Amino acid sequence: MEINEDALKNFQNSKFDFVDAKDNDVDFSNLSDDVTYTLRDGETVVEDDMKAKDVVDTINNEYGKTINV
């Protein structure tokens, strides 16, 4: 599981963030399958109980897209 570098930068510049079950910021270089993660928009929970693969897939799929203009 590897997060695309450009996708991660795009995600980090967005209004969303991931936290672990203890409400700590996520270290994307050290994701663990033993931990569940929460995607938030500020204090609002967008998706809960996510595994490491879900985090990677969300960032790569949603923030790694190329937009043609």
PDB file of N, CA and C in Angstrom:
ATOM      1  N   MET A   1       0.850  -1.177   0.000  1.00  0.00           N
ATOM      2  CA  MET A   1       0.000   0.000   0.000  1.00  0.00           C
ATOM      3  C   MET A   1       0.893   1.237   0.000  1.00  0.00           C
ATOM      4  N   GLU A   2       0.727   2.006  -1.034  1.00  0.00           N
ATOM      5  CA  GLU A   2       1.532   3.215  -1.114  1.00  0.00           C
ATOM      6  C   GLU A   2       0.647   4.378  -1.535  1.00  0.00           C
ATOM      7  N   ILE A   3       0.821   5.489  -0.845  1.00  0.00           N
ATOM      8  CA  ILE A   3       0.062   6.686  -1.184  1.00  0.00           C
ATOM      9  C   ILE A   3       0.841   7.466  -2.221  1.00  0.00           C
ATOM     10  N   ASN A   4       0.160   7.827  -3.292  1.00  0.00           N
ATOM     11  CA  ASN A   4       0.753   8.657  -4.329  1.00  0.00           C
ATOM     12  C   ASN A   4       1.142  10.004  -3.718  1.00  0.00           C
ATOM     13  N   GLU A   5       2.378  10.439  -3.965  1.00  0.00           N
ATOM     14  CA  GLU A   5       2.896  11.667  -3.345  1.00  0.00           C
ATOM     15  C   GLU A   5       2.072  12.902  -3.715  1.00  0.00           C
ATOM     16  N   ASP A   6       1.718  13.031  -4.991  1.00  0.00           N
ATOM     17  CA  ASP A   6       0.907  14.180  -5.424  1.00  0.00           C
ATOM     18  C   ASP A   6      -0.484  14.136  -4.806  1.00  0.00           C
ATOM     19  N   ALA A   7      -1.057  12.941  -4.728  1.00  0.00           N
ATOM     20  CA  ALA A   7      -2.388  12.789  -4.134  1.00  0.00           C
ATOM     21  C   ALA A   7      -2.348  13.182  -2.653  1.00  0.00           C
ATOM     22  N   LEU A   8      -1.286  12.791  -1.955  1.00  0.00           N
ATOM     23  CA  LEU A   8      -1.162  13.140  -0.538  1.00  0.00           C
ATOM     24  C   LEU A   8      -1.057  14.649  -0.353  1.00  0.00           C
ATOM     25  N   LYS A   9      -0.277  15.314  -1.200  1.00  0.00           N
ATOM     26  CA  LYS A   9      -0.161  16.779  -1.127  1.00  0.00           C
ATOM     27  C   LYS A   9      -1.520  17.427  -1.358  1.00  0.00           C
ATOM     28  N   ASN A  10      -2.250  16.935  -2.355  1.00  0.00           N
ATOM     29  CA  ASN A  10      -3.581  17.480  -2.636  1.00  0.00           C
ATOM     30  C   ASN A  10      -4.511  17.277  -1.455  1.00  0.00           C
ATOM     31  N   PHE A  11      -4.452  16.090  -0.844  1.00  0.00           N
ATOM     32  CA  PHE A  11      -5.291  15.805   0.320  1.00  0.00           C
ATOM     33  C   PHE A  11      -4.928  16.733   1.479  1.00  0.00           C
ATOM     34  N   GLN A  12      -3.641  16.904   1.737  1.00  0.00           N
ATOM     35  CA  GLN A  12      -3.206  17.727   2.861  1.00  0.00           C
ATOM     36  C   GLN A  12      -3.578  19.199   2.663  1.00  0.00           C
ATOM     37  N   ASN A  13      -3.780  19.618   1.422  1.00  0.00           N
ATOM     38  CA  ASN A  13      -4.197  20.985   1.125  1.00  0.00           C
ATOM     39  C   ASN A  13      -5.713  21.131   1.099  1.00  0.00           C
ATOM     40  N   SER A  14      -6.431  20.041   1.321  1.00  0.00           N
ATOM     41  CA  SER A  14      -7.893  20.080   1.302  1.00  0.00           C
ATOM     42  C   SER A  14      -8.417  20.401   2.702  1.00  0.00           C
ATOM     43  N   LYS A  15      -9.738  20.495   2.800  1.00  0.00           N
ATOM     44  CA  LYS A  15     -10.352  20.792   4.103  1.00  0.00           C
ATOM     45  C   LYS A  15     -10.540  19.536   4.957  1.00  0.00           C
ATOM     46  N   PHE A  16     -10.201  18.381   4.413  1.00  0.00           N
ATOM     47  CA  PHE A  16     -10.404  17.113   5.111  1.00  0.00           C
ATOM     48  C   PHE A  16      -9.143  16.684   5.853  1.00  0.00           C
ATOM     49  N   ASP A  17      -9.324  15.830   6.851  1.00  0.00           N
ATOM     50  CA  ASP A  17      -8.186  15.230   7.524  1.00  0.00           C
ATOM     51  C   ASP A  17      -8.582  13.862   8.069  1.00  0.00           C
ATOM     52  N   PHE A  18      -7.569  13.047   8.313  1.00  0.00           N
ATOM     53  CA  PHE A  18      -7.770  11.748   8.938  1.00  0.00           C
ATOM     54  C   PHE A  18      -7.250  11.810  10.361  1.00  0.00           C
ATOM     55  N   VAL A  19      -7.964  11.164  11.282  1.00  0.00           N
ATOM     56  CA  VAL A  19      -7.504  11.004  12.657  1.00  0.00           C
ATOM     57  C   VAL A  19      -7.660   9.534  13.038  1.00  0.00           C
ATOM     58  N   ASP A  20      -6.896   9.118  14.047  1.00  0.00           N
ATOM     59  CA  ASP A  20      -7.050   7.749  14.526  1.00  0.00           C
ATOM     60  C   ASP A  20      -8.130   7.710  15.602  1.00  0.00           C
ATOM     61  N   ALA A  21      -8.327   6.549  16.186  1.00  0.00           N
ATOM     62  CA  ALA A  21      -9.403   6.364  17.169  1.00  0.00           C
ATOM     63  C   ALA A  21      -9.213   7.234  18.409  1.00  0.00           C
ATOM     64  N   LYS A  22      -7.993   7.687  18.648  1.00  0.00           N
ATOM     65  CA  LYS A  22      -7.710   8.539  19.808  1.00  0.00           C
ATOM     66  C   LYS A  22      -7.711  10.019  19.428  1.00  0.00           C
ATOM     67  N   ASP A  23      -8.194  10.320  18.224  1.00  0.00           N
ATOM     68  CA  ASP A  23      -8.305  11.684  17.723  1.00  0.00           C
ATOM     69  C   ASP A  23      -6.948  12.329  17.437  1.00  0.00           C
ATOM     70  N   ASN A  24      -5.930  11.503  17.201  1.00  0.00           N
ATOM     71  CA  ASN A  24      -4.599  11.997  16.848  1.00  0.00           C
ATOM     72  C   ASN A  24      -4.471  12.110  15.342  1.00  0.00           C
ATOM     73  N   ASP A  25      -3.681  13.083  14.883  1.00  0.00           N
ATOM     74  CA  ASP A  25      -3.395  13.177  13.453  1.00  0.00           C
ATOM     75  C   ASP A  25      -2.724  11.893  12.992  1.00  0.00           C
ATOM     76  N   VAL A  26      -2.913  11.570  11.726  1.00  0.00           N
ATOM     77  CA  VAL A  26      -2.401  10.322  11.171  1.00  0.00           C
ATOM     78  C   VAL A  26      -1.026  10.535  10.554  1.00  0.00           C
ATOM     79  N   ASP A  27      -0.102   9.631  10.859  1.00  0.00           N
ATOM     80  CA  ASP A  27       1.209   9.602  10.217  1.00  0.00           C
ATOM     81  C   ASP A  27       1.061   8.704   8.991  1.00  0.00           C
ATOM     82  N   PHE A  28       0.973   9.317   7.814  1.00  0.00           N
ATOM     83  CA  PHE A  28       0.684   8.562   6.601  1.00  0.00           C
ATOM     84  C   PHE A  28       1.813   7.615   6.196  1.00  0.00           C
ATOM     85  N   SER A  29       3.001   7.801   6.754  1.00  0.00           N
ATOM     86  CA  SER A  29       4.100   6.887   6.444  1.00  0.00           C
ATOM     87  C   SER A  29       4.106   5.687   7.382  1.00  0.00           C
ATOM     88  N   ASN A  30       3.164   5.671   8.324  1.00  0.00           N
ATOM     89  CA  ASN A  30       3.140   4.599   9.316  1.00  0.00           C
ATOM     90  C   ASN A  30       1.702   4.147   9.585  1.00  0.00           C
ATOM     91  N   LEU A  31       0.951   3.864   8.530  1.00  0.00           N
ATOM     92  CA  LEU A  31      -0.423   3.383   8.693  1.00  0.00           C
ATOM     93  C   LEU A  31      -0.395   1.935   9.170  1.00  0.00           C
ATOM     94  N   SER A  32      -1.363   1.578   9.994  1.00  0.00           N
ATOM     95  CA  SER A  32      -1.401   0.227  10.551  1.00  0.00           C
ATOM     96  C   SER A  32      -2.785  -0.383  10.365  1.00  0.00           C
ATOM     97  N   ASP A  33      -2.800  -1.668  10.065  1.00  0.00           N
ATOM     98  CA  ASP A  33      -4.077  -2.378   9.947  1.00  0.00           C
ATOM     99  C   ASP A  33      -4.700  -2.642  11.315  1.00  0.00           C
ATOM    100  N   ASP A  34      -3.951  -2.390  12.376  1.00  0.00           N
ATOM    101  CA  ASP A  34      -4.461  -2.590  13.730  1.00  0.00           C
ATOM    102  C   ASP A  34      -5.220  -1.379  14.252  1.00  0.00           C
ATOM    103  N   VAL A  35      -5.241  -0.307  13.473  1.00  0.00           N
ATOM    104  CA  VAL A  35      -5.852   0.950  13.891  1.00  0.00           C
ATOM    105  C   VAL A  35      -7.009   1.263  12.951  1.00  0.00           C
ATOM    106  N   THR A  36      -8.076   1.867  13.499  1.00  0.00           N
ATOM    107  CA  THR A  36      -9.144   2.367  12.634  1.00  0.00           C
ATOM    108  C   THR A  36      -8.996   3.880  12.534  1.00  0.00           C
ATOM    109  N   TYR A  37      -9.370   4.400  11.380  1.00  0.00           N
ATOM    110  CA  TYR A  37      -9.203   5.815  11.084  1.00  0.00           C
ATOM    111  C   TYR A  37     -10.545   6.452  10.769  1.00  0.00           C
ATOM    112  N   THR A  38     -10.599   7.762  10.953  1.00  0.00           N
ATOM    113  CA  THR A  38     -11.808   8.529  10.676  1.00  0.00           C
ATOM    114  C   THR A  38     -11.460   9.667   9.731  1.00  0.00           C
ATOM    115  N   LEU A  39     -12.251   9.809   8.675  1.00  0.00           N
ATOM    116  CA  LEU A  39     -12.118  10.934   7.759  1.00  0.00           C
ATOM    117  C   LEU A  39     -13.045  12.030   8.248  1.00  0.00           C
ATOM    118  N   ARG A  40     -12.489  13.241   8.444  1.00  0.00           N
ATOM    119  CA  ARG A  40     -13.287  14.347   8.963  1.00  0.00           C
ATOM    120  C   ARG A  40     -13.230  15.549   8.031  1.00  0.00           C
ATOM    121  N   ASP A  41     -14.285  16.327   8.113  1.00  0.00           N
ATOM    122  CA  ASP A  41     -14.363  17.653   7.498  1.00  0.00           C
ATOM    123  C   ASP A  41     -14.490  18.612   8.667  1.00  0.00           C
ATOM    124  N   GLY A  42     -13.361  19.130   9.136  1.00  0.00           N
ATOM    125  CA  GLY A  42     -13.376  19.902  10.372  1.00  0.00           C
ATOM    126  C   GLY A  42     -13.675  18.961  11.525  1.00  0.00           C
ATOM    127  N   GLU A  43     -14.761  19.228  12.249  1.00  0.00           N
ATOM    128  CA  GLU A  43     -15.172  18.347  13.344  1.00  0.00           C
ATOM    129  C   GLU A  43     -16.231  17.334  12.911  1.00  0.00           C
ATOM    130  N   THR A  44     -16.714  17.460  11.688  1.00  0.00           N
ATOM    131  CA  THR A  44     -17.763  16.575  11.179  1.00  0.00           C
ATOM    132  C   THR A  44     -17.162  15.281  10.644  1.00  0.00           C
ATOM    133  N   VAL A  45     -17.673  14.149  11.118  1.00  0.00           N
ATOM    134  CA  VAL A  45     -17.216  12.848  10.646  1.00  0.00           C
ATOM    135  C   VAL A  45     -17.833  12.563   9.280  1.00  0.00           C
ATOM    136  N   VAL A  46     -16.977  12.291   8.305  1.00  0.00           N
ATOM    137  CA  VAL A  46     -17.423  11.948   6.956  1.00  0.00           C
ATOM    138  C   VAL A  46     -17.534  10.435   6.825  1.00  0.00           C
ATOM    139  N   GLU A  47     -16.505   9.729   7.295  1.00  0.00           N
ATOM    140  CA  GLU A  47     -16.518   8.263   7.267  1.00  0.00           C
ATOM    141  C   GLU A  47     -15.707   7.761   8.451  1.00  0.00           C
ATOM    142  N   ASP A  48     -16.225   6.738   9.106  1.00  0.00           N
ATOM    143  CA  ASP A  48     -15.613   6.218  10.326  1.00  0.00           C
ATOM    144  C   ASP A  48     -15.212   4.759  10.135  1.00  0.00           C
ATOM    145  N   ASP A  49     -14.412   4.236  11.036  1.00  0.00           N
ATOM    146  CA  ASP A  49     -13.997   2.829  11.047  1.00  0.00           C
ATOM    147  C   ASP A  49     -13.302   2.401   9.757  1.00  0.00           C
ATOM    148  N   MET A  50     -12.433   3.241   9.268  1.00  0.00           N
ATOM    149  CA  MET A  50     -11.685   2.929   8.048  1.00  0.00           C
ATOM    150  C   MET A  50     -10.378   2.226   8.407  1.00  0.00           C
ATOM    151  N   LYS A  51      -9.980   1.270   7.589  1.00  0.00           N
ATOM    152  CA  LYS A  51      -8.709   0.574   7.758  1.00  0.00           C
ATOM    153  C   LYS A  51      -7.640   1.282   6.918  1.00  0.00           C
ATOM    154  N   ALA A  52      -6.386   0.898   7.087  1.00  0.00           N
ATOM    155  CA  ALA A  52      -5.277   1.533   6.376  1.00  0.00           C
ATOM    156  C   ALA A  52      -5.496   1.515   4.862  1.00  0.00           C
ATOM    157  N   LYS A  53      -5.959   0.393   4.322  1.00  0.00           N
ATOM    158  CA  LYS A  53      -6.197   0.292   2.871  1.00  0.00           C
ATOM    159  C   LYS A  53      -7.256   1.296   2.431  1.00  0.00           C
ATOM    160  N   ASP A  54      -8.284   1.505   3.247  1.00  0.00           N
ATOM    161  CA  ASP A  54      -9.334   2.479   2.920  1.00  0.00           C
ATOM    162  C   ASP A  54      -8.764   3.895   2.855  1.00  0.00           C
ATOM    163  N   VAL A  55      -7.863   4.207   3.791  1.00  0.00           N
ATOM    164  CA  VAL A  55      -7.231   5.525   3.816  1.00  0.00           C
ATOM    165  C   VAL A  55      -6.417   5.734   2.537  1.00  0.00           C
ATOM    166  N   VAL A  56      -5.585   4.755   2.200  1.00  0.00           N
ATOM    167  CA  VAL A  56      -4.750   4.835   1.002  1.00  0.00           C
ATOM    168  C   VAL A  56      -5.616   4.950  -0.242  1.00  0.00           C
ATOM    169  N   ASP A  57      -6.628   4.115  -0.360  1.00  0.00           N
ATOM    170  CA  ASP A  57      -7.507   4.142  -1.533  1.00  0.00           C
ATOM    171  C   ASP A  57      -8.239   5.474  -1.651  1.00  0.00           C
ATOM    172  N   THR A  58      -8.722   6.002  -0.542  1.00  0.00           N
ATOM    173  CA  THR A  58      -9.439   7.280  -0.563  1.00  0.00           C
ATOM    174  C   THR A  58      -8.535   8.391  -1.060  1.00  0.00           C
ATOM    175  N   ILE A  59      -7.336   8.474  -0.523  1.00  0.00           N
ATOM    176  CA  ILE A  59      -6.420   9.542  -0.937  1.00  0.00           C
ATOM    177  C   ILE A  59      -6.005   9.375  -2.393  1.00  0.00           C
ATOM    178  N   ASN A  60      -5.604   8.172  -2.778  1.00  0.00           N
ATOM    179  CA  ASN A  60      -5.162   7.950  -4.157  1.00  0.00           C
ATOM    180  C   ASN A  60      -6.293   8.157  -5.159  1.00  0.00           C
ATOM    181  N   ASN A  61      -7.480   7.671  -4.842  1.00  0.00           N
ATOM    182  CA  ASN A  61      -8.593   7.740  -5.797  1.00  0.00           C
ATOM    183  C   ASN A  61      -9.220   9.119  -5.870  1.00  0.00           C
ATOM    184  N   GLU A  62      -9.331   9.802  -4.751  1.00  0.00           N
ATOM    185  CA  GLU A  62     -10.015  11.082  -4.735  1.00  0.00           C
ATOM    186  C   GLU A  62      -9.108  12.289  -4.963  1.00  0.00           C
ATOM    187  N   TYR A  63      -7.856  12.158  -4.592  1.00  0.00           N
ATOM    188  CA  TYR A  63      -6.946  13.312  -4.677  1.00  0.00           C
ATOM    189  C   TYR A  63      -5.821  13.114  -5.680  1.00  0.00           C
ATOM    190  N   GLY A  64      -5.789  11.975  -6.323  1.00  0.00           N
ATOM    191  CA  GLY A  64      -4.769  11.716  -7.332  1.00  0.00           C
ATOM    192  C   GLY A  64      -5.295  11.889  -8.746  1.00  0.00           C
ATOM    193  N   LYS A  65      -6.505  12.375  -8.847  1.00  0.00           N
ATOM    194  CA  LYS A  65      -7.122  12.530 -10.168  1.00  0.00           C
ATOM    195  C   LYS A  65      -6.523  13.721 -10.904  1.00  0.00           C
ATOM    196  N   THR A  66      -6.356  13.561 -12.195  1.00  0.00           N
ATOM    197  CA  THR A  66      -5.899  14.662 -13.038  1.00  0.00           C
ATOM    198  C   THR A  66      -7.110  15.322 -13.651  1.00  0.00           C
ATOM    199  N   ILE A  67      -7.137  16.619 -13.575  1.00  0.00           N
ATOM    200  CA  ILE A  67      -8.271  17.360 -14.138  1.00  0.00           C
ATOM    201  C   ILE A  67      -7.808  18.075 -15.395  1.00  0.00           C
ATOM    202  N   ASN A  68      -8.467  17.804 -16.490  1.00  0.00           N
ATOM    203  CA  ASN A  68      -8.143  18.478 -17.748  1.00  0.00           C
ATOM    204  C   ASN A  68      -9.024  19.696 -17.910  1.00  0.00           C
ATOM    205  N   VAL A  69      -8.409  20.838 -18.181  1.00  0.00           N
ATOM    206  CA  VAL A  69      -9.177  22.065 -18.400  1.00  0.00           C
ATOM    207  C   VAL A  69      -8.860  22.674 -19.722  1.00  0.00           C
TER     208      VAL A  69
END
